[in-house]
N, C-alpha and C. Protein backbone atom coordinates (compact mmCIF):
# COMPACT_ATOMS: atom_id res chain seq x y z
N MET A 1 99.97 3.45 -37.33
CA MET A 1 100.74 2.25 -37.05
C MET A 1 99.89 1.03 -37.40
N HIS A 2 100.52 0.07 -38.06
CA HIS A 2 99.82 -1.15 -38.47
C HIS A 2 100.59 -2.35 -37.93
N PRO A 3 100.38 -2.72 -36.66
CA PRO A 3 101.12 -3.85 -36.09
C PRO A 3 100.74 -5.16 -36.75
N ALA A 4 101.68 -6.09 -36.74
CA ALA A 4 101.43 -7.41 -37.32
C ALA A 4 100.31 -8.11 -36.55
N SER A 5 99.54 -8.90 -37.28
CA SER A 5 98.44 -9.63 -36.65
C SER A 5 98.94 -10.54 -35.53
N SER A 6 100.14 -11.12 -35.72
CA SER A 6 100.69 -12.01 -34.69
C SER A 6 100.94 -11.28 -33.39
N VAL A 7 101.32 -10.00 -33.47
CA VAL A 7 101.56 -9.21 -32.26
C VAL A 7 100.25 -8.94 -31.53
N ILE A 8 99.21 -8.64 -32.29
CA ILE A 8 97.89 -8.39 -31.68
C ILE A 8 97.37 -9.65 -31.01
N ILE A 9 97.48 -10.78 -31.70
CA ILE A 9 97.03 -12.06 -31.13
C ILE A 9 97.84 -12.38 -29.87
N PHE A 10 99.15 -12.17 -29.94
CA PHE A 10 100.03 -12.47 -28.81
C PHE A 10 99.64 -11.66 -27.57
N THR A 11 99.56 -10.34 -27.71
CA THR A 11 99.29 -9.51 -26.54
C THR A 11 97.90 -9.75 -25.98
N THR A 12 96.93 -10.02 -26.85
CA THR A 12 95.56 -10.23 -26.39
C THR A 12 95.41 -11.56 -25.66
N PHE A 13 95.79 -12.63 -26.32
CA PHE A 13 95.53 -13.96 -25.74
C PHE A 13 96.49 -14.31 -24.61
N SER A 14 97.76 -13.94 -24.74
CA SER A 14 98.67 -14.24 -23.63
C SER A 14 98.29 -13.43 -22.40
N GLY A 15 97.84 -12.19 -22.60
CA GLY A 15 97.39 -11.39 -21.47
C GLY A 15 96.20 -12.00 -20.77
N LEU A 16 95.23 -12.46 -21.55
CA LEU A 16 94.05 -13.11 -20.96
C LEU A 16 94.44 -14.41 -20.25
N GLY A 17 95.31 -15.21 -20.88
CA GLY A 17 95.70 -16.48 -20.29
C GLY A 17 96.43 -16.31 -18.98
N PHE A 18 97.41 -15.42 -18.94
CA PHE A 18 98.15 -15.20 -17.70
C PHE A 18 97.29 -14.48 -16.67
N GLY A 19 96.35 -13.66 -17.13
CA GLY A 19 95.41 -13.05 -16.19
C GLY A 19 94.55 -14.08 -15.50
N LEU A 20 94.07 -15.08 -16.27
CA LEU A 20 93.27 -16.14 -15.67
C LEU A 20 94.12 -17.01 -14.74
N LEU A 21 95.38 -17.27 -15.11
CA LEU A 21 96.27 -18.02 -14.24
C LEU A 21 96.50 -17.29 -12.92
N PHE A 22 96.51 -15.96 -12.96
CA PHE A 22 96.66 -15.18 -11.73
C PHE A 22 95.51 -15.47 -10.77
N TRP A 23 94.28 -15.44 -11.27
CA TRP A 23 93.11 -15.67 -10.41
C TRP A 23 93.06 -17.12 -9.93
N LEU A 24 93.47 -18.04 -10.77
CA LEU A 24 93.55 -19.43 -10.33
C LEU A 24 94.61 -19.59 -9.24
N GLY A 25 95.72 -18.89 -9.41
CA GLY A 25 96.82 -19.02 -8.46
C GLY A 25 96.51 -18.47 -7.09
N ILE A 26 95.79 -17.34 -7.01
CA ILE A 26 95.50 -16.76 -5.70
C ILE A 26 94.31 -17.43 -5.02
N GLY A 27 93.67 -18.36 -5.72
CA GLY A 27 92.59 -19.11 -5.11
C GLY A 27 91.22 -18.50 -5.25
N ALA A 28 91.07 -17.48 -6.10
CA ALA A 28 89.74 -16.91 -6.33
C ALA A 28 88.84 -17.96 -6.99
N ILE A 29 89.47 -18.84 -7.76
CA ILE A 29 88.78 -19.98 -8.36
C ILE A 29 89.56 -21.22 -7.91
N THR A 30 88.90 -22.14 -7.22
CA THR A 30 89.60 -23.34 -6.74
C THR A 30 88.83 -24.59 -7.16
N PRO A 31 88.85 -24.90 -8.44
CA PRO A 31 88.16 -26.10 -8.90
C PRO A 31 89.00 -27.34 -8.63
N THR A 32 88.39 -28.48 -8.69
CA THR A 32 89.12 -29.73 -8.54
C THR A 32 88.66 -30.72 -9.61
N GLY A 33 89.45 -31.77 -9.80
CA GLY A 33 89.08 -32.81 -10.75
C GLY A 33 88.92 -32.31 -12.17
N LEU A 34 87.86 -32.75 -12.82
CA LEU A 34 87.62 -32.41 -14.22
C LEU A 34 87.46 -30.91 -14.42
N MET A 35 86.78 -30.23 -13.50
CA MET A 35 86.58 -28.80 -13.64
C MET A 35 87.90 -28.05 -13.58
N ALA A 36 88.81 -28.52 -12.73
CA ALA A 36 90.13 -27.89 -12.68
C ALA A 36 90.86 -28.07 -14.01
N LEU A 37 90.73 -29.25 -14.58
CA LEU A 37 91.37 -29.52 -15.88
C LEU A 37 90.84 -28.57 -16.94
N ILE A 38 89.54 -28.32 -16.94
CA ILE A 38 88.93 -27.43 -17.93
C ILE A 38 89.42 -25.99 -17.74
N TRP A 39 89.43 -25.52 -16.48
CA TRP A 39 89.88 -24.15 -16.20
C TRP A 39 91.33 -23.95 -16.63
N PHE A 40 92.18 -24.88 -16.27
CA PHE A 40 93.59 -24.73 -16.62
C PHE A 40 93.81 -24.91 -18.12
N ALA A 41 93.01 -25.73 -18.77
CA ALA A 41 93.13 -25.89 -20.22
C ALA A 41 92.81 -24.57 -20.92
N ILE A 42 91.77 -23.88 -20.45
CA ILE A 42 91.41 -22.58 -21.04
C ILE A 42 92.55 -21.58 -20.87
N ALA A 43 93.09 -21.52 -19.65
CA ALA A 43 94.17 -20.57 -19.37
C ALA A 43 95.41 -20.88 -20.21
N TYR A 44 95.76 -22.16 -20.30
CA TYR A 44 96.97 -22.54 -21.03
C TYR A 44 96.79 -22.38 -22.54
N LEU A 45 95.61 -22.66 -23.05
CA LEU A 45 95.38 -22.46 -24.49
C LEU A 45 95.57 -20.99 -24.87
N ALA A 46 95.05 -20.10 -24.02
CA ALA A 46 95.20 -18.67 -24.30
C ALA A 46 96.64 -18.22 -24.14
N ALA A 47 97.26 -18.59 -23.02
CA ALA A 47 98.63 -18.12 -22.73
C ALA A 47 99.64 -18.70 -23.72
N VAL A 48 99.61 -20.01 -23.89
CA VAL A 48 100.58 -20.66 -24.78
C VAL A 48 100.29 -20.33 -26.24
N GLY A 49 99.01 -20.28 -26.60
CA GLY A 49 98.66 -19.90 -27.97
C GLY A 49 99.15 -18.51 -28.31
N GLY A 50 99.00 -17.58 -27.38
CA GLY A 50 99.49 -16.23 -27.60
C GLY A 50 101.00 -16.18 -27.73
N LEU A 51 101.71 -16.92 -26.88
CA LEU A 51 103.16 -16.95 -26.95
C LEU A 51 103.65 -17.55 -28.27
N LEU A 52 102.98 -18.61 -28.73
CA LEU A 52 103.37 -19.20 -30.01
C LEU A 52 103.13 -18.23 -31.17
N ALA A 53 102.04 -17.47 -31.08
CA ALA A 53 101.76 -16.50 -32.14
C ALA A 53 102.86 -15.45 -32.23
N SER A 54 103.49 -15.13 -31.10
CA SER A 54 104.51 -14.09 -31.10
C SER A 54 105.73 -14.48 -31.92
N THR A 55 105.96 -15.78 -32.11
CA THR A 55 107.14 -16.21 -32.87
C THR A 55 107.00 -15.93 -34.37
N PHE A 56 105.77 -15.69 -34.83
CA PHE A 56 105.56 -15.49 -36.26
C PHE A 56 106.04 -14.12 -36.75
N HIS A 57 106.29 -13.18 -35.82
CA HIS A 57 106.81 -11.90 -36.29
C HIS A 57 108.32 -11.80 -36.10
N LEU A 58 108.96 -12.92 -35.75
CA LEU A 58 110.41 -12.96 -35.66
C LEU A 58 111.01 -13.23 -37.03
N GLY A 59 112.13 -12.59 -37.30
CA GLY A 59 112.79 -12.80 -38.58
C GLY A 59 113.25 -14.24 -38.75
N ARG A 60 113.75 -14.84 -37.67
CA ARG A 60 114.21 -16.23 -37.70
C ARG A 60 113.59 -16.97 -36.52
N PRO A 61 112.33 -17.43 -36.67
CA PRO A 61 111.64 -18.09 -35.56
C PRO A 61 112.39 -19.28 -34.98
N GLU A 62 113.18 -19.97 -35.82
CA GLU A 62 113.89 -21.15 -35.34
C GLU A 62 114.97 -20.79 -34.31
N ARG A 63 115.32 -19.51 -34.24
CA ARG A 63 116.32 -19.07 -33.28
C ARG A 63 115.71 -18.47 -32.02
N ALA A 64 114.40 -18.62 -31.85
CA ALA A 64 113.72 -18.01 -30.71
C ALA A 64 114.29 -18.49 -29.38
N ILE A 65 114.76 -19.74 -29.35
CA ILE A 65 115.29 -20.29 -28.10
C ILE A 65 116.49 -19.50 -27.61
N LYS A 66 117.24 -18.87 -28.53
CA LYS A 66 118.43 -18.11 -28.15
C LYS A 66 118.08 -16.85 -27.36
N ALA A 67 116.83 -16.41 -27.46
CA ALA A 67 116.43 -15.19 -26.74
C ALA A 67 116.52 -15.37 -25.23
N PHE A 68 116.44 -16.62 -24.75
CA PHE A 68 116.48 -16.86 -23.31
C PHE A 68 117.85 -16.55 -22.71
N SER A 69 118.88 -16.49 -23.53
CA SER A 69 120.23 -16.28 -23.01
C SER A 69 120.56 -14.82 -22.75
N GLN A 70 119.68 -13.91 -23.16
CA GLN A 70 119.98 -12.48 -23.05
C GLN A 70 119.23 -11.81 -21.89
N TRP A 71 118.95 -12.56 -20.84
CA TRP A 71 118.10 -12.06 -19.76
C TRP A 71 118.68 -10.85 -19.03
N GLN A 72 120.00 -10.66 -19.08
CA GLN A 72 120.61 -9.55 -18.36
C GLN A 72 120.33 -8.20 -19.02
N THR A 73 120.06 -8.20 -20.31
CA THR A 73 119.87 -6.94 -21.03
C THR A 73 118.55 -6.84 -21.78
N SER A 74 117.88 -7.96 -22.00
CA SER A 74 116.71 -7.96 -22.88
C SER A 74 115.42 -8.25 -22.11
N TRP A 75 114.43 -7.36 -22.25
CA TRP A 75 113.12 -7.61 -21.66
C TRP A 75 112.41 -8.76 -22.36
N LEU A 76 112.71 -8.97 -23.63
CA LEU A 76 112.13 -10.10 -24.36
C LEU A 76 112.60 -11.42 -23.74
N SER A 77 113.88 -11.49 -23.41
CA SER A 77 114.42 -12.67 -22.77
C SER A 77 113.80 -12.88 -21.39
N ARG A 78 113.67 -11.81 -20.63
CA ARG A 78 113.06 -11.91 -19.30
C ARG A 78 111.61 -12.36 -19.39
N GLU A 79 110.93 -11.88 -20.43
CA GLU A 79 109.55 -12.30 -20.63
C GLU A 79 109.47 -13.81 -20.87
N GLY A 80 110.36 -14.33 -21.72
CA GLY A 80 110.35 -15.75 -22.01
C GLY A 80 110.64 -16.59 -20.78
N ILE A 81 111.61 -16.16 -19.98
CA ILE A 81 111.95 -16.91 -18.76
C ILE A 81 110.80 -16.88 -17.78
N CYS A 82 110.19 -15.70 -17.57
CA CYS A 82 109.06 -15.59 -16.65
C CYS A 82 107.89 -16.45 -17.11
N ALA A 83 107.63 -16.43 -18.42
CA ALA A 83 106.50 -17.19 -18.96
C ALA A 83 106.69 -18.69 -18.74
N VAL A 84 107.87 -19.20 -19.07
CA VAL A 84 108.13 -20.64 -18.92
C VAL A 84 108.07 -21.04 -17.45
N ALA A 85 108.70 -20.24 -16.58
CA ALA A 85 108.69 -20.55 -15.15
C ALA A 85 107.27 -20.56 -14.60
N THR A 86 106.47 -19.58 -15.00
CA THR A 86 105.09 -19.50 -14.53
C THR A 86 104.27 -20.69 -15.00
N LEU A 87 104.42 -21.05 -16.27
CA LEU A 87 103.65 -22.18 -16.81
C LEU A 87 104.04 -23.49 -16.11
N LEU A 88 105.30 -23.67 -15.78
CA LEU A 88 105.73 -24.87 -15.08
C LEU A 88 105.19 -24.91 -13.65
N ILE A 89 105.27 -23.77 -12.96
CA ILE A 89 104.78 -23.70 -11.58
C ILE A 89 103.27 -23.95 -11.54
N MET A 90 102.54 -23.30 -12.44
CA MET A 90 101.09 -23.46 -12.44
C MET A 90 100.67 -24.85 -12.91
N ALA A 91 101.51 -25.50 -13.72
CA ALA A 91 101.22 -26.88 -14.11
C ALA A 91 101.28 -27.78 -12.88
N ALA A 92 102.27 -27.56 -12.02
CA ALA A 92 102.37 -28.36 -10.78
C ALA A 92 101.20 -28.05 -9.85
N TYR A 93 100.84 -26.77 -9.75
CA TYR A 93 99.71 -26.38 -8.90
C TYR A 93 98.41 -26.98 -9.44
N GLY A 94 98.23 -26.92 -10.76
CA GLY A 94 97.03 -27.48 -11.37
C GLY A 94 96.96 -28.99 -11.24
N ALA A 95 98.12 -29.66 -11.32
CA ALA A 95 98.14 -31.11 -11.17
C ALA A 95 97.63 -31.53 -9.80
N GLY A 96 97.98 -30.75 -8.78
CA GLY A 96 97.48 -31.05 -7.44
C GLY A 96 95.97 -30.97 -7.37
N LEU A 97 95.38 -30.00 -8.06
CA LEU A 97 93.93 -29.84 -8.06
C LEU A 97 93.25 -30.92 -8.90
N VAL A 98 93.84 -31.22 -10.04
CA VAL A 98 93.20 -32.16 -10.98
C VAL A 98 93.26 -33.60 -10.47
N PHE A 99 94.43 -34.02 -10.03
CA PHE A 99 94.63 -35.44 -9.72
C PHE A 99 94.51 -35.81 -8.24
N PHE A 100 94.76 -34.82 -7.36
CA PHE A 100 94.81 -35.17 -5.94
C PHE A 100 93.84 -34.35 -5.07
N ASP A 101 93.06 -33.46 -5.71
CA ASP A 101 92.16 -32.57 -4.96
C ASP A 101 92.91 -31.83 -3.86
N THR A 102 94.16 -31.48 -4.12
CA THR A 102 95.02 -30.84 -3.14
C THR A 102 95.33 -29.41 -3.57
N VAL A 103 95.16 -28.47 -2.65
CA VAL A 103 95.44 -27.07 -2.94
C VAL A 103 96.83 -26.74 -2.39
N LEU A 104 97.80 -26.61 -3.27
CA LEU A 104 99.16 -26.26 -2.88
C LEU A 104 99.29 -24.73 -2.91
N ARG A 105 98.71 -24.10 -1.88
CA ARG A 105 98.54 -22.66 -1.89
C ARG A 105 99.82 -21.86 -2.13
N PRO A 106 100.94 -22.15 -1.43
CA PRO A 106 102.16 -21.37 -1.71
C PRO A 106 102.60 -21.45 -3.17
N LEU A 107 102.41 -22.62 -3.79
CA LEU A 107 102.75 -22.77 -5.19
C LEU A 107 101.84 -21.91 -6.06
N GLY A 108 100.56 -21.83 -5.68
CA GLY A 108 99.62 -21.00 -6.41
C GLY A 108 99.98 -19.52 -6.33
N TRP A 109 100.36 -19.07 -5.13
CA TRP A 109 100.76 -17.67 -4.97
C TRP A 109 102.00 -17.36 -5.80
N LEU A 110 102.95 -18.30 -5.80
CA LEU A 110 104.16 -18.10 -6.59
C LEU A 110 103.83 -18.02 -8.08
N GLY A 111 102.93 -18.89 -8.54
CA GLY A 111 102.51 -18.86 -9.93
C GLY A 111 101.77 -17.58 -10.29
N ALA A 112 100.94 -17.08 -9.36
CA ALA A 112 100.22 -15.83 -9.60
C ALA A 112 101.19 -14.67 -9.74
N ALA A 113 102.22 -14.65 -8.87
CA ALA A 113 103.24 -13.60 -8.98
C ALA A 113 103.98 -13.71 -10.30
N GLY A 114 104.25 -14.95 -10.73
CA GLY A 114 104.91 -15.15 -12.01
C GLY A 114 104.07 -14.68 -13.19
N ALA A 115 102.74 -14.86 -13.09
CA ALA A 115 101.85 -14.40 -14.15
C ALA A 115 101.92 -12.88 -14.28
N LEU A 116 101.91 -12.19 -13.13
CA LEU A 116 102.03 -10.73 -13.15
C LEU A 116 103.38 -10.31 -13.71
N ALA A 117 104.44 -11.02 -13.32
CA ALA A 117 105.78 -10.69 -13.80
C ALA A 117 105.88 -10.88 -15.32
N THR A 118 105.23 -11.91 -15.83
CA THR A 118 105.25 -12.16 -17.28
C THR A 118 104.59 -11.02 -18.04
N VAL A 119 103.42 -10.59 -17.57
CA VAL A 119 102.73 -9.48 -18.24
C VAL A 119 103.55 -8.20 -18.13
N PHE A 120 104.16 -7.98 -16.96
CA PHE A 120 104.98 -6.77 -16.77
C PHE A 120 106.17 -6.76 -17.73
N THR A 121 106.85 -7.89 -17.86
CA THR A 121 108.00 -7.93 -18.77
C THR A 121 107.57 -7.75 -20.23
N THR A 122 106.39 -8.26 -20.57
CA THR A 122 105.87 -8.02 -21.92
C THR A 122 105.68 -6.53 -22.16
N ALA A 123 105.08 -5.86 -21.18
CA ALA A 123 104.84 -4.42 -21.31
C ALA A 123 106.15 -3.64 -21.41
N MET A 124 107.17 -4.08 -20.68
CA MET A 124 108.43 -3.35 -20.67
C MET A 124 109.18 -3.45 -21.99
N ILE A 125 108.85 -4.44 -22.81
CA ILE A 125 109.44 -4.50 -24.15
C ILE A 125 109.10 -3.22 -24.91
N TYR A 126 107.89 -2.72 -24.69
CA TYR A 126 107.44 -1.49 -25.34
C TYR A 126 107.81 -0.24 -24.52
N ALA A 127 107.68 -0.33 -23.20
CA ALA A 127 107.90 0.84 -22.36
C ALA A 127 109.35 1.29 -22.31
N GLN A 128 110.30 0.42 -22.66
CA GLN A 128 111.71 0.81 -22.62
C GLN A 128 112.21 1.42 -23.92
N LEU A 129 111.34 1.53 -24.91
CA LEU A 129 111.76 2.04 -26.22
C LEU A 129 111.91 3.56 -26.19
N LYS A 130 113.15 4.04 -26.26
CA LYS A 130 113.39 5.47 -26.29
C LYS A 130 112.86 6.11 -27.57
N THR A 131 112.73 5.30 -28.61
CA THR A 131 112.29 5.83 -29.90
C THR A 131 110.79 6.08 -29.95
N VAL A 132 110.04 5.61 -28.96
CA VAL A 132 108.59 5.82 -28.94
C VAL A 132 108.21 6.45 -27.60
N PRO A 133 108.31 7.77 -27.48
CA PRO A 133 108.01 8.43 -26.21
C PRO A 133 106.60 8.15 -25.69
N ARG A 134 105.66 7.91 -26.58
CA ARG A 134 104.29 7.61 -26.15
C ARG A 134 104.24 6.36 -25.27
N TRP A 135 105.08 5.39 -25.58
CA TRP A 135 105.09 4.15 -24.81
C TRP A 135 106.03 4.19 -23.62
N ARG A 136 107.05 5.03 -23.70
CA ARG A 136 108.08 5.08 -22.65
C ARG A 136 107.55 5.83 -21.43
N HIS A 137 106.65 5.15 -20.72
CA HIS A 137 105.93 5.81 -19.61
C HIS A 137 105.38 4.74 -18.69
N TRP A 138 105.18 5.09 -17.42
CA TRP A 138 104.68 4.12 -16.43
C TRP A 138 103.30 3.60 -16.79
N SER A 139 102.54 4.36 -17.56
CA SER A 139 101.18 3.95 -17.89
C SER A 139 101.13 2.72 -18.80
N THR A 140 102.22 2.45 -19.52
CA THR A 140 102.22 1.28 -20.42
C THR A 140 102.15 -0.03 -19.64
N PRO A 141 103.06 -0.30 -18.68
CA PRO A 141 102.89 -1.54 -17.90
C PRO A 141 101.63 -1.54 -17.05
N ALA A 142 101.23 -0.36 -16.56
CA ALA A 142 100.00 -0.30 -15.76
C ALA A 142 98.79 -0.72 -16.59
N LEU A 143 98.74 -0.27 -17.84
CA LEU A 143 97.63 -0.62 -18.72
C LEU A 143 97.66 -2.10 -19.08
N PHE A 144 98.83 -2.63 -19.37
CA PHE A 144 98.95 -4.06 -19.67
C PHE A 144 98.45 -4.91 -18.51
N LEU A 145 98.87 -4.55 -17.28
CA LEU A 145 98.48 -5.33 -16.11
C LEU A 145 96.99 -5.23 -15.84
N ALA A 146 96.43 -4.02 -15.97
CA ALA A 146 95.00 -3.84 -15.72
C ALA A 146 94.16 -4.63 -16.72
N LEU A 147 94.56 -4.61 -17.98
CA LEU A 147 93.82 -5.35 -19.00
C LEU A 147 93.95 -6.86 -18.80
N SER A 148 95.16 -7.30 -18.46
CA SER A 148 95.38 -8.73 -18.28
C SER A 148 94.61 -9.27 -17.08
N VAL A 149 94.78 -8.65 -15.92
CA VAL A 149 94.12 -9.13 -14.71
C VAL A 149 92.61 -8.91 -14.80
N GLY A 150 92.21 -7.78 -15.40
CA GLY A 150 90.78 -7.53 -15.59
C GLY A 150 90.15 -8.52 -16.56
N GLY A 151 90.85 -8.81 -17.66
CA GLY A 151 90.34 -9.79 -18.60
C GLY A 151 90.29 -11.18 -18.01
N GLY A 152 91.32 -11.52 -17.21
CA GLY A 152 91.32 -12.81 -16.54
C GLY A 152 90.19 -12.93 -15.55
N ALA A 153 89.89 -11.83 -14.85
CA ALA A 153 88.76 -11.84 -13.91
C ALA A 153 87.45 -12.07 -14.64
N LEU A 154 87.31 -11.45 -15.81
CA LEU A 154 86.09 -11.62 -16.59
C LEU A 154 85.94 -13.07 -17.04
N LEU A 155 87.05 -13.67 -17.50
CA LEU A 155 87.00 -15.08 -17.91
C LEU A 155 86.68 -15.99 -16.72
N GLY A 156 87.20 -15.61 -15.54
CA GLY A 156 87.01 -16.44 -14.36
C GLY A 156 85.74 -16.17 -13.59
N GLY A 157 84.87 -15.31 -14.11
CA GLY A 157 83.60 -15.05 -13.44
C GLY A 157 83.71 -14.15 -12.22
N GLN A 158 84.82 -13.43 -12.08
CA GLN A 158 84.97 -12.48 -10.97
C GLN A 158 84.44 -11.12 -11.44
N VAL A 159 83.12 -11.00 -11.43
CA VAL A 159 82.47 -9.88 -12.11
C VAL A 159 82.82 -8.54 -11.48
N THR A 160 82.72 -8.43 -10.18
CA THR A 160 83.00 -7.16 -9.51
C THR A 160 84.44 -6.72 -9.77
N GLU A 161 85.37 -7.63 -9.57
CA GLU A 161 86.78 -7.31 -9.80
C GLU A 161 87.02 -6.94 -11.26
N ALA A 162 86.36 -7.64 -12.17
CA ALA A 162 86.52 -7.35 -13.59
C ALA A 162 86.04 -5.95 -13.93
N LEU A 163 84.89 -5.57 -13.39
CA LEU A 163 84.36 -4.23 -13.66
C LEU A 163 85.30 -3.15 -13.16
N VAL A 164 85.84 -3.34 -11.95
CA VAL A 164 86.76 -2.35 -11.38
C VAL A 164 88.03 -2.26 -12.21
N LEU A 165 88.63 -3.40 -12.52
CA LEU A 165 89.91 -3.41 -13.22
C LEU A 165 89.78 -2.94 -14.67
N LEU A 166 88.71 -3.36 -15.35
CA LEU A 166 88.53 -2.92 -16.73
C LEU A 166 88.14 -1.45 -16.78
N GLY A 167 87.43 -0.97 -15.75
CA GLY A 167 87.16 0.46 -15.65
C GLY A 167 88.45 1.24 -15.47
N LEU A 168 89.35 0.70 -14.63
CA LEU A 168 90.67 1.33 -14.45
C LEU A 168 91.45 1.33 -15.75
N ALA A 169 91.38 0.21 -16.49
CA ALA A 169 92.08 0.13 -17.77
C ALA A 169 91.54 1.16 -18.75
N ALA A 170 90.23 1.36 -18.76
CA ALA A 170 89.63 2.35 -19.65
C ALA A 170 90.12 3.75 -19.30
N ALA A 171 90.19 4.05 -17.99
CA ALA A 171 90.66 5.36 -17.56
C ALA A 171 92.13 5.55 -17.95
N LEU A 172 92.94 4.51 -17.77
CA LEU A 172 94.35 4.59 -18.17
C LEU A 172 94.49 4.79 -19.67
N GLN A 173 93.63 4.13 -20.46
CA GLN A 173 93.70 4.29 -21.91
C GLN A 173 93.39 5.73 -22.32
N VAL A 174 92.36 6.30 -21.71
CA VAL A 174 92.03 7.69 -22.01
C VAL A 174 93.19 8.61 -21.62
N TYR A 175 93.79 8.33 -20.47
CA TYR A 175 94.93 9.13 -20.01
C TYR A 175 96.08 9.07 -21.00
N THR A 176 96.37 7.86 -21.52
CA THR A 176 97.47 7.74 -22.48
C THR A 176 97.15 8.45 -23.79
N TRP A 177 95.89 8.45 -24.19
CA TRP A 177 95.52 9.19 -25.40
C TRP A 177 95.69 10.69 -25.21
N VAL A 178 95.29 11.18 -24.05
CA VAL A 178 95.34 12.62 -23.79
C VAL A 178 96.78 13.11 -23.64
N THR A 179 97.60 12.34 -22.93
CA THR A 179 98.96 12.78 -22.63
C THR A 179 100.00 12.28 -23.62
N GLY A 180 99.67 11.22 -24.36
CA GLY A 180 100.67 10.60 -25.23
C GLY A 180 101.21 11.53 -26.29
N ASP A 181 100.35 12.36 -26.87
CA ASP A 181 100.79 13.25 -27.94
C ASP A 181 101.77 14.31 -27.46
N THR A 182 101.77 14.60 -26.17
CA THR A 182 102.66 15.63 -25.65
C THR A 182 104.05 15.09 -25.31
N ARG A 183 104.20 13.77 -25.21
CA ARG A 183 105.47 13.21 -24.77
C ARG A 183 106.57 13.36 -25.80
N LEU A 184 106.23 13.28 -27.07
CA LEU A 184 107.24 13.47 -28.11
C LEU A 184 107.79 14.89 -28.05
N ALA A 185 106.91 15.87 -27.90
CA ALA A 185 107.37 17.26 -27.82
C ALA A 185 108.26 17.47 -26.60
N ARG A 186 107.89 16.86 -25.46
CA ARG A 186 108.67 17.04 -24.24
C ARG A 186 110.00 16.29 -24.31
N SER A 187 110.08 15.27 -25.16
CA SER A 187 111.31 14.48 -25.23
C SER A 187 112.45 15.25 -25.88
N GLY A 188 112.12 16.31 -26.64
CA GLY A 188 113.16 17.08 -27.31
C GLY A 188 113.71 16.40 -28.55
N THR A 189 113.07 15.32 -28.96
CA THR A 189 113.54 14.57 -30.14
C THR A 189 112.87 15.11 -31.39
N ASP A 190 113.67 15.33 -32.43
CA ASP A 190 113.13 15.70 -33.73
C ASP A 190 113.96 15.01 -34.80
N MET A 191 113.70 15.34 -36.05
CA MET A 191 114.39 14.65 -37.14
C MET A 191 115.89 14.92 -37.09
N ALA A 192 116.27 16.12 -36.67
CA ALA A 192 117.69 16.46 -36.62
C ALA A 192 118.42 15.66 -35.55
N SER A 193 117.82 15.58 -34.36
CA SER A 193 118.47 14.84 -33.28
C SER A 193 118.45 13.34 -33.52
N ALA A 194 117.39 12.86 -34.17
CA ALA A 194 117.29 11.43 -34.43
C ALA A 194 118.32 10.97 -35.45
N THR A 195 118.62 11.81 -36.44
CA THR A 195 119.58 11.43 -37.47
C THR A 195 121.01 11.86 -37.14
N GLY A 196 121.15 12.80 -36.21
CA GLY A 196 122.48 13.31 -35.87
C GLY A 196 123.04 14.24 -36.93
N LEU A 197 122.16 14.77 -37.79
CA LEU A 197 122.62 15.61 -38.90
C LEU A 197 122.31 17.09 -38.69
N GLY A 198 121.82 17.43 -37.51
CA GLY A 198 121.42 18.82 -37.28
C GLY A 198 122.55 19.82 -37.40
N HIS A 199 123.79 19.38 -37.20
CA HIS A 199 124.93 20.31 -37.23
C HIS A 199 125.26 20.81 -38.63
N ILE A 200 124.69 20.16 -39.67
CA ILE A 200 125.01 20.59 -41.03
C ILE A 200 123.87 21.40 -41.66
N GLY A 201 122.81 21.62 -40.91
CA GLY A 201 121.71 22.42 -41.43
C GLY A 201 120.35 21.80 -41.14
N ALA A 202 119.32 22.39 -41.75
CA ALA A 202 117.96 21.89 -41.54
C ALA A 202 117.81 20.49 -42.12
N VAL A 203 117.11 19.63 -41.41
CA VAL A 203 116.92 18.25 -41.82
C VAL A 203 115.46 18.04 -42.21
N ARG A 204 115.24 17.45 -43.38
CA ARG A 204 113.90 17.13 -43.81
C ARG A 204 113.91 15.76 -44.48
N ALA A 205 112.75 15.14 -44.58
CA ALA A 205 112.65 13.83 -45.20
C ALA A 205 112.83 13.95 -46.70
N PHE A 206 113.72 13.14 -47.28
CA PHE A 206 113.92 13.16 -48.73
C PHE A 206 112.69 12.62 -49.44
N GLU A 207 112.11 11.56 -48.85
CA GLU A 207 110.91 10.96 -49.43
C GLU A 207 109.98 10.60 -48.29
N PRO A 208 108.81 11.23 -48.18
CA PRO A 208 107.91 10.96 -47.06
C PRO A 208 107.39 9.53 -47.12
N PRO A 209 107.02 8.99 -45.97
CA PRO A 209 106.49 7.62 -45.95
C PRO A 209 105.16 7.54 -46.68
N ILE A 210 104.89 6.39 -47.27
CA ILE A 210 103.64 6.16 -47.98
C ILE A 210 102.69 5.43 -47.04
N PRO A 211 101.53 5.99 -46.74
CA PRO A 211 100.59 5.33 -45.82
C PRO A 211 100.19 3.96 -46.35
N ALA A 212 100.08 3.01 -45.45
CA ALA A 212 99.64 1.67 -45.84
C ALA A 212 98.16 1.71 -46.22
N PRO A 213 97.76 0.98 -47.24
CA PRO A 213 96.36 0.98 -47.65
C PRO A 213 95.48 0.36 -46.57
N ILE A 214 94.29 0.90 -46.42
CA ILE A 214 93.33 0.37 -45.46
C ILE A 214 92.56 -0.76 -46.12
N THR A 215 92.60 -1.94 -45.50
CA THR A 215 91.92 -3.09 -46.09
C THR A 215 90.77 -3.54 -45.20
């Protein structure tokens, strides 16, 4: 698999940004004044930069705003709504720290929950795909959350928490490697069932895929 560079940038930086917003929101880091501005700038640059990168793999980026209307059926839409809501909530929380030296703790907790929800909805875009049994598993959102919160802890200087969470992420990654290859076999899906042509005889590829060149 050769994912688009924009997808890699999106998942990496948005995960780190929302992970750092989580730690800021729960009060593990409570800066004020200029330091608060710097911390929130780092988190927002990563989170918003990652989200903007995700639009580059859309067929019609100018229509991205329409994705927000499909929240009842689309995890992509839910991700967008959660992301915008979280960024607005944390902007208000950060403004209290930057301009008034005021800790609006309930707002921070709400923003931290929103950060987790954003990462979870991102993961569910992949975990709900019936066509990819390797991803259609509880370990996909668990891995996304562990990497995001663990990466955010590392950025925020929460060393002990970062070691625990990134260690958990490593264990989850190994687990997905070991068990992922067996999920396709257990799903009962093959070329015949995928194409719906099994009733007319054996199904085989007319022309096999050509591997992408390694650059």
